[in-house]
Amino acid sequence: MPSVEQIERRALLLGGMALLAGCASKQPYAVPAPTIVSMQAWGGVAIANPGPAQTLTHITLHHQGETWNPARDPAEYLPKLQTWSRQTKHWADIPYHYVIAPDGRIYAARPEGVAGDTNTEYDPRGHLLIMLLGNFEEVEPTPQALAATAELMAWSAQRLGLGVEKIATHKDHSKQTVCPGKNLYRYVQSGWLKRAVQARMDGQALPPVL
């Protein structure tokens, strides 16, 4: 018969193996993909030849910088923005990859693999560009838009393998702009946005919007 010492040693070994198995079986939280209105759904025209895809290393927040009528349908606005971007600015597409409306709806714009464009001096290559409709020098972002921004950034950061330290704004990369506007930038300065993104990446609820 095994000795008491052998039995205790075996019990410790089995307990350790069970603990390791439990740790191994625990899967990291997967941030659910937010609902995104596709370019096809809002009537956009896809880029015919997008070329080689960029590697995304940053997530950068913008605002539209224009007064936005909440009653306006983004699906009516976005095709006009696309036409202006291509025909007037001679850009490949809308300069941003995602556009967020005040009601929290998220719209796909330029394909993620295609580098964005800007009127300022910073190089947007490698940046996932997210733009909120409105001029946040003048108005406050809605709680719905803030929540959608955090959800989109959390989902994007997780699948791209980026940490919240890679989240910034247009004005953090450029001295030529106030974008994304003082009322939206406040949520970045206070740390709320990064806390919200990290909370969603950890499977937790968003912190209260102050």
C-alpha atoms as a PDB file:
ATOM      1  CA  MET A   1       0.000   0.000   0.000  1.00  0.00           C
ATOM      2  CA  PRO A   2       1.229   3.551  -0.697  1.00  0.00           C
ATOM      3  CA  SER A   3       2.398   5.512   2.285  1.00  0.00           C
ATOM      4  CA  VAL A   4       0.582   8.586   3.607  1.00  0.00           C
ATOM      5  CA  GLU A   5       3.382  10.714   2.169  1.00  0.00           C
ATOM      6  CA  GLN A   6       2.932   9.173  -1.288  1.00  0.00           C
ATOM      7  CA  ILE A   7      -0.854   9.729  -1.153  1.00  0.00           C
ATOM      8  CA  GLU A   8      -0.408  13.383  -0.177  1.00  0.00           C
ATOM      9  CA  ARG A   9       2.169  13.929  -2.916  1.00  0.00           C
ATOM     10  CA  ARG A  10      -0.173  12.373  -5.492  1.00  0.00           C
ATOM     11  CA  ALA A  11      -3.069  14.555  -4.308  1.00  0.00           C
ATOM     12  CA  LEU A  12      -0.955  17.685  -4.635  1.00  0.00           C
ATOM     13  CA  LEU A  13       0.138  16.656  -8.129  1.00  0.00           C
ATOM     14  CA  LEU A  14      -3.426  15.961  -9.280  1.00  0.00           C
ATOM     15  CA  GLY A  15      -4.616  19.246  -7.779  1.00  0.00           C
ATOM     16  CA  GLY A  16      -1.913  21.171  -9.596  1.00  0.00           C
ATOM     17  CA  MET A  17      -2.760  19.455 -12.875  1.00  0.00           C
ATOM     18  CA  ALA A  18      -6.442  20.319 -12.431  1.00  0.00           C
ATOM     19  CA  LEU A  19      -5.550  23.950 -11.743  1.00  0.00           C
ATOM     20  CA  LEU A  20      -3.411  24.149 -14.866  1.00  0.00           C
ATOM     21  CA  ALA A  21      -6.149  22.539 -16.928  1.00  0.00           C
ATOM     22  CA  GLY A  22      -8.628  25.076 -15.620  1.00  0.00           C
ATOM     23  CA  CYS A  23      -6.350  27.972 -16.545  1.00  0.00           C
ATOM     24  CA  ALA A  24      -5.735  26.535 -19.989  1.00  0.00           C
ATOM     25  CA  SER A  25      -9.445  26.126 -20.688  1.00  0.00           C
ATOM     26  CA  LYS A  26     -10.298  29.727 -19.790  1.00  0.00           C
ATOM     27  CA  GLN A  27     -10.646  31.673 -23.019  1.00  0.00           C
ATOM     28  CA  PRO A  28      -9.960  35.426 -23.264  1.00  0.00           C
ATOM     29  CA  TYR A  29     -13.021  37.631 -23.678  1.00  0.00           C
ATOM     30  CA  ALA A  30     -13.872  38.307 -27.329  1.00  0.00           C
ATOM     31  CA  VAL A  31     -15.255  41.792 -27.885  1.00  0.00           C
ATOM     32  CA  PRO A  32     -18.407  41.426 -30.008  1.00  0.00           C
ATOM     33  CA  ALA A  33     -18.390  43.173 -33.358  1.00  0.00           C
ATOM     34  CA  PRO A  34     -20.603  46.251 -33.313  1.00  0.00           C
ATOM     35  CA  THR A  35     -23.349  46.678 -35.871  1.00  0.00           C
ATOM     36  CA  ILE A  36     -21.831  48.523 -38.831  1.00  0.00           C
ATOM     37  CA  VAL A  37     -23.775  49.940 -41.778  1.00  0.00           C
ATOM     38  CA  SER A  38     -21.888  48.762 -44.849  1.00  0.00           C
ATOM     39  CA  MET A  39     -20.864  51.029 -47.705  1.00  0.00           C
ATOM     40  CA  GLN A  40     -23.202  49.103 -49.968  1.00  0.00           C
ATOM     41  CA  ALA A  41     -26.101  49.750 -47.584  1.00  0.00           C
ATOM     42  CA  TRP A  42     -25.603  53.540 -47.580  1.00  0.00           C
ATOM     43  CA  GLY A  43     -25.108  53.677 -51.352  1.00  0.00           C
ATOM     44  CA  GLY A  44     -21.347  54.089 -51.575  1.00  0.00           C
ATOM     45  CA  VAL A  45     -19.133  53.015 -54.462  1.00  0.00           C
ATOM     46  CA  ALA A  46     -16.255  50.692 -53.556  1.00  0.00           C
ATOM     47  CA  ILE A  47     -12.655  51.444 -54.536  1.00  0.00           C
ATOM     48  CA  ALA A  48     -11.919  49.590 -57.763  1.00  0.00           C
ATOM     49  CA  ASN A  49      -8.250  48.882 -57.016  1.00  0.00           C
ATOM     50  CA  PRO A  50      -7.342  49.417 -53.341  1.00  0.00           C
ATOM     51  CA  GLY A  51      -3.770  48.151 -53.738  1.00  0.00           C
ATOM     52  CA  PRO A  52      -1.713  46.466 -50.994  1.00  0.00           C
ATOM     53  CA  ALA A  53      -3.207  46.672 -47.517  1.00  0.00           C
ATOM     54  CA  GLN A  54      -1.619  48.842 -44.836  1.00  0.00           C
ATOM     55  CA  THR A  55      -0.646  47.511 -41.420  1.00  0.00           C
ATOM     56  CA  LEU A  56      -2.668  49.274 -38.723  1.00  0.00           C
ATOM     57  CA  THR A  57      -0.699  50.358 -35.648  1.00  0.00           C
ATOM     58  CA  HIS A  58      -2.778  53.256 -34.262  1.00  0.00           C
ATOM     59  CA  ILE A  59      -6.411  54.238 -33.708  1.00  0.00           C
ATOM     60  CA  THR A  60      -7.056  57.936 -34.256  1.00  0.00           C
ATOM     61  CA  LEU A  61     -10.179  59.942 -33.432  1.00  0.00           C
ATOM     62  CA  HIS A  62     -11.524  62.805 -35.585  1.00  0.00           C
ATOM     63  CA  HIS A  63     -14.612  64.958 -35.778  1.00  0.00           C
ATOM     64  CA  GLN A  64     -16.399  66.197 -38.867  1.00  0.00           C
ATOM     65  CA  GLY A  65     -15.757  69.809 -37.866  1.00  0.00           C
ATOM     66  CA  GLU A  66     -19.050  70.996 -39.362  1.00  0.00           C
ATOM     67  CA  THR A  67     -22.431  71.739 -37.844  1.00  0.00           C
ATOM     68  CA  TRP A  68     -24.525  68.584 -38.048  1.00  0.00           C
ATOM     69  CA  ASN A  69     -28.323  68.532 -38.135  1.00  0.00           C
ATOM     70  CA  PRO A  70     -29.350  65.446 -36.107  1.00  0.00           C
ATOM     71  CA  ALA A  71     -32.400  65.090 -38.362  1.00  0.00           C
ATOM     72  CA  ARG A  72     -30.170  64.589 -41.392  1.00  0.00           C
ATOM     73  CA  ASP A  73     -29.728  61.034 -42.633  1.00  0.00           C
ATOM     74  CA  PRO A  74     -26.033  60.014 -42.796  1.00  0.00           C
ATOM     75  CA  ALA A  75     -26.949  57.733 -45.699  1.00  0.00           C
ATOM     76  CA  GLU A  76     -27.804  60.898 -47.656  1.00  0.00           C
ATOM     77  CA  TYR A  77     -24.637  62.717 -46.541  1.00  0.00           C
ATOM     78  CA  LEU A  78     -22.017  59.999 -47.024  1.00  0.00           C
ATOM     79  CA  PRO A  79     -22.379  59.581 -50.822  1.00  0.00           C
ATOM     80  CA  LYS A  80     -21.862  63.354 -51.171  1.00  0.00           C
ATOM     81  CA  LEU A  81     -18.794  63.181 -48.925  1.00  0.00           C
ATOM     82  CA  GLN A  82     -17.462  60.321 -51.022  1.00  0.00           C
ATOM     83  CA  THR A  83     -17.973  62.238 -54.268  1.00  0.00           C
ATOM     84  CA  TRP A  84     -16.307  65.367 -52.830  1.00  0.00           C
ATOM     85  CA  SER A  85     -13.376  63.325 -51.511  1.00  0.00           C
ATOM     86  CA  ARG A  86     -12.747  61.683 -54.858  1.00  0.00           C
ATOM     87  CA  GLN A  87     -13.577  64.407 -57.346  1.00  0.00           C
ATOM     88  CA  THR A  88     -12.556  67.581 -55.489  1.00  0.00           C
ATOM     89  CA  LYS A  89      -9.758  66.350 -53.217  1.00  0.00           C
ATOM     90  CA  HIS A  90      -8.643  63.543 -55.553  1.00  0.00           C
ATOM     91  CA  TRP A  91      -8.389  61.166 -52.604  1.00  0.00           C
ATOM     92  CA  ALA A  92      -9.042  57.449 -52.955  1.00  0.00           C
ATOM     93  CA  ASP A  93     -12.203  57.672 -50.859  1.00  0.00           C
ATOM     94  CA  ILE A  94     -13.770  59.259 -47.771  1.00  0.00           C
ATOM     95  CA  PRO A  95     -10.700  60.064 -45.640  1.00  0.00           C
ATOM     96  CA  TYR A  96     -11.914  58.040 -42.614  1.00  0.00           C
ATOM     97  CA  HIS A  97     -12.479  54.325 -42.156  1.00  0.00           C
ATOM     98  CA  TYR A  98     -15.562  54.654 -39.948  1.00  0.00           C
ATOM     99  CA  VAL A  99     -18.117  57.409 -39.367  1.00  0.00           C
ATOM    100  CA  ILE A 100     -20.274  57.559 -36.218  1.00  0.00           C
ATOM    101  CA  ALA A 101     -23.598  59.402 -36.099  1.00  0.00           C
ATOM    102  CA  PRO A 102     -25.008  61.142 -32.995  1.00  0.00           C
ATOM    103  CA  ASP A 103     -27.486  58.286 -32.495  1.00  0.00           C
ATOM    104  CA  GLY A 104     -24.594  55.819 -32.217  1.00  0.00           C
ATOM    105  CA  ARG A 105     -24.918  54.211 -35.636  1.00  0.00           C
ATOM    106  CA  ILE A 106     -21.563  53.246 -37.162  1.00  0.00           C
ATOM    107  CA  TYR A 107     -20.967  53.517 -40.913  1.00  0.00           C
ATOM    108  CA  ALA A 108     -18.182  51.832 -42.860  1.00  0.00           C
ATOM    109  CA  ALA A 109     -16.326  54.294 -45.081  1.00  0.00           C
ATOM    110  CA  ARG A 110     -12.849  53.866 -46.563  1.00  0.00           C
ATOM    111  CA  PRO A 111     -11.630  50.233 -46.425  1.00  0.00           C
ATOM    112  CA  GLU A 112      -9.336  49.653 -43.443  1.00  0.00           C
ATOM    113  CA  GLY A 113      -6.535  48.441 -45.663  1.00  0.00           C
ATOM    114  CA  VAL A 114      -6.346  51.780 -47.502  1.00  0.00           C
ATOM    115  CA  ALA A 115      -4.454  54.547 -45.682  1.00  0.00           C
ATOM    116  CA  GLY A 116      -6.545  57.597 -44.801  1.00  0.00           C
ATOM    117  CA  ASP A 117      -6.112  61.178 -45.930  1.00  0.00           C
ATOM    118  CA  THR A 118      -5.800  64.491 -44.101  1.00  0.00           C
ATOM    119  CA  ASN A 119      -5.513  68.212 -44.809  1.00  0.00           C
ATOM    120  CA  THR A 120      -2.843  68.538 -42.106  1.00  0.00           C
ATOM    121  CA  GLU A 121       0.806  67.589 -41.859  1.00  0.00           C
ATOM    122  CA  TYR A 122       0.584  64.251 -40.036  1.00  0.00           C
ATOM    123  CA  ASP A 123       1.051  60.962 -41.863  1.00  0.00           C
ATOM    124  CA  PRO A 124      -2.107  58.832 -41.426  1.00  0.00           C
ATOM    125  CA  ARG A 125      -0.526  55.654 -42.765  1.00  0.00           C
ATOM    126  CA  GLY A 126      -1.027  52.881 -40.216  1.00  0.00           C
ATOM    127  CA  HIS A 127      -3.863  54.760 -38.499  1.00  0.00           C
ATOM    128  CA  LEU A 128      -7.416  53.440 -38.224  1.00  0.00           C
ATOM    129  CA  LEU A 129      -9.401  56.681 -38.576  1.00  0.00           C
ATOM    130  CA  ILE A 130     -12.730  57.093 -36.773  1.00  0.00           C
ATOM    131  CA  MET A 131     -14.780  60.262 -37.307  1.00  0.00           C
ATOM    132  CA  LEU A 132     -17.790  61.499 -35.334  1.00  0.00           C
ATOM    133  CA  LEU A 133     -20.328  63.665 -37.143  1.00  0.00           C
ATOM    134  CA  GLY A 134     -20.556  67.190 -35.727  1.00  0.00           C
ATOM    135  CA  ASN A 135     -18.393  70.096 -34.644  1.00  0.00           C
ATOM    136  CA  PHE A 136     -17.322  69.419 -31.071  1.00  0.00           C
ATOM    137  CA  GLU A 137     -15.854  72.853 -30.645  1.00  0.00           C
ATOM    138  CA  GLU A 138     -19.510  73.916 -30.515  1.00  0.00           C
ATOM    139  CA  VAL A 139     -21.608  70.980 -29.290  1.00  0.00           C
ATOM    140  CA  GLU A 140     -21.281  68.056 -26.902  1.00  0.00           C
ATOM    141  CA  PRO A 141     -20.940  64.477 -28.162  1.00  0.00           C
ATOM    142  CA  THR A 142     -23.989  62.361 -27.365  1.00  0.00           C
ATOM    143  CA  PRO A 143     -23.723  59.436 -24.933  1.00  0.00           C
ATOM    144  CA  GLN A 144     -24.747  57.147 -27.814  1.00  0.00           C
ATOM    145  CA  ALA A 145     -21.877  58.355 -30.008  1.00  0.00           C
ATOM    146  CA  LEU A 146     -19.380  58.042 -27.149  1.00  0.00           C
ATOM    147  CA  ALA A 147     -20.527  54.502 -26.381  1.00  0.00           C
ATOM    148  CA  ALA A 148     -20.334  53.525 -30.056  1.00  0.00           C
ATOM    149  CA  THR A 149     -16.826  54.983 -30.268  1.00  0.00           C
ATOM    150  CA  ALA A 150     -15.655  52.926 -27.293  1.00  0.00           C
ATOM    151  CA  GLU A 151     -17.277  49.752 -28.642  1.00  0.00           C
ATOM    152  CA  LEU A 152     -15.779  50.211 -32.112  1.00  0.00           C
ATOM    153  CA  MET A 153     -12.332  50.997 -30.717  1.00  0.00           C
ATOM    154  CA  ALA A 154     -12.401  48.016 -28.332  1.00  0.00           C
ATOM    155  CA  TRP A 155     -13.392  45.618 -31.106  1.00  0.00           C
ATOM    156  CA  SER A 156     -10.803  47.108 -33.462  1.00  0.00           C
ATOM    157  CA  ALA A 157      -7.983  47.181 -30.903  1.00  0.00           C
ATOM    158  CA  GLN A 158      -8.532  43.556 -29.910  1.00  0.00           C
ATOM    159  CA  ARG A 159      -8.571  42.148 -33.436  1.00  0.00           C
ATOM    160  CA  LEU A 160      -5.587  44.304 -34.454  1.00  0.00           C
ATOM    161  CA  GLY A 161      -3.595  43.344 -31.360  1.00  0.00           C
ATOM    162  CA  LEU A 162      -3.315  46.935 -30.114  1.00  0.00           C
ATOM    163  CA  GLY A 163      -3.401  48.281 -26.565  1.00  0.00           C
ATOM    164  CA  VAL A 164      -5.261  51.390 -25.456  1.00  0.00           C
ATOM    165  CA  GLU A 165      -1.980  53.329 -25.474  1.00  0.00           C
ATOM    166  CA  LYS A 166      -2.308  53.351 -29.276  1.00  0.00           C
ATOM    167  CA  ILE A 167      -5.509  55.418 -29.095  1.00  0.00           C
ATOM    168  CA  ALA A 168      -5.113  59.152 -29.745  1.00  0.00           C
ATOM    169  CA  THR A 169      -6.709  62.009 -31.658  1.00  0.00           C
ATOM    170  CA  HIS A 170      -5.961  64.069 -34.740  1.00  0.00           C
ATOM    171  CA  LYS A 171      -4.581  66.977 -32.666  1.00  0.00           C
ATOM    172  CA  ASP A 172      -2.234  64.607 -30.829  1.00  0.00           C
ATOM    173  CA  HIS A 173      -0.510  63.986 -34.172  1.00  0.00           C
ATOM    174  CA  SER A 174      -0.852  67.443 -35.717  1.00  0.00           C
ATOM    175  CA  LYS A 175      -0.249  71.020 -34.561  1.00  0.00           C
ATOM    176  CA  GLN A 176      -2.453  72.401 -37.336  1.00  0.00           C
ATOM    177  CA  THR A 177      -5.862  71.386 -36.000  1.00  0.00           C
ATOM    178  CA  VAL A 178      -8.239  71.475 -33.036  1.00  0.00           C
ATOM    179  CA  CYS A 179      -9.825  68.200 -34.219  1.00  0.00           C
ATOM    180  CA  PRO A 180     -11.657  66.383 -32.592  1.00  0.00           C
ATOM    181  CA  GLY A 181     -12.897  69.545 -30.872  1.00  0.00           C
ATOM    182  CA  LYS A 182     -12.557  70.510 -27.214  1.00  0.00           C
ATOM    183  CA  ASN A 183     -15.833  68.923 -26.087  1.00  0.00           C
ATOM    184  CA  LEU A 184     -14.887  65.514 -27.504  1.00  0.00           C
ATOM    185  CA  TYR A 185     -11.195  65.826 -26.648  1.00  0.00           C
ATOM    186  CA  ARG A 186     -12.161  66.221 -23.004  1.00  0.00           C
ATOM    187  CA  TYR A 187     -13.091  62.517 -22.893  1.00  0.00           C
ATOM    188  CA  VAL A 188      -9.608  61.650 -24.128  1.00  0.00           C
ATOM    189  CA  GLN A 189      -7.818  64.027 -21.760  1.00  0.00           C
ATOM    190  CA  SER A 190      -9.724  62.746 -18.731  1.00  0.00           C
ATOM    191  CA  GLY A 191      -8.852  59.153 -19.579  1.00  0.00           C
ATOM    192  CA  TRP A 192     -12.517  58.188 -19.952  1.00  0.00           C
ATOM    193  CA  LEU A 193     -12.162  56.920 -23.518  1.00  0.00           C
ATOM    194  CA  LYS A 194      -9.218  54.621 -22.814  1.00  0.00           C
ATOM    195  CA  ARG A 195     -10.889  53.348 -19.626  1.00  0.00           C
ATOM    196  CA  ALA A 196     -14.048  52.638 -21.594  1.00  0.00           C
ATOM    197  CA  VAL A 197     -12.170  50.801 -24.336  1.00  0.00           C
ATOM    198  CA  GLN A 198     -10.197  48.743 -21.811  1.00  0.00           C
ATOM    199  CA  ALA A 199     -13.375  47.894 -19.916  1.00  0.00           C
ATOM    200  CA  ARG A 200     -14.993  46.496 -23.049  1.00  0.00           C
ATOM    201  CA  MET A 201     -11.828  44.557 -23.930  1.00  0.00           C
ATOM    202  CA  ASP A 202     -12.012  43.031 -20.442  1.00  0.00           C
ATOM    203  CA  GLY A 203     -15.680  42.126 -20.864  1.00  0.00           C
ATOM    204  CA  GLN A 204     -16.895  44.807 -18.466  1.00  0.00           C
ATOM    205  CA  ALA A 205     -19.571  47.466 -18.820  1.00  0.00           C
ATOM    206  CA  LEU A 206     -18.685  50.940 -20.007  1.00  0.00           C
ATOM    207  CA  PRO A 207     -17.934  53.460 -17.238  1.00  0.00           C
ATOM    208  CA  PRO A 208     -20.545  56.207 -16.771  1.00  0.00           C
ATOM    209  CA  VAL A 209     -20.319  59.102 -19.213  1.00  0.00           C
ATOM    210  CA  LEU A 210     -19.546  62.163 -17.071  1.00  0.00           C
END
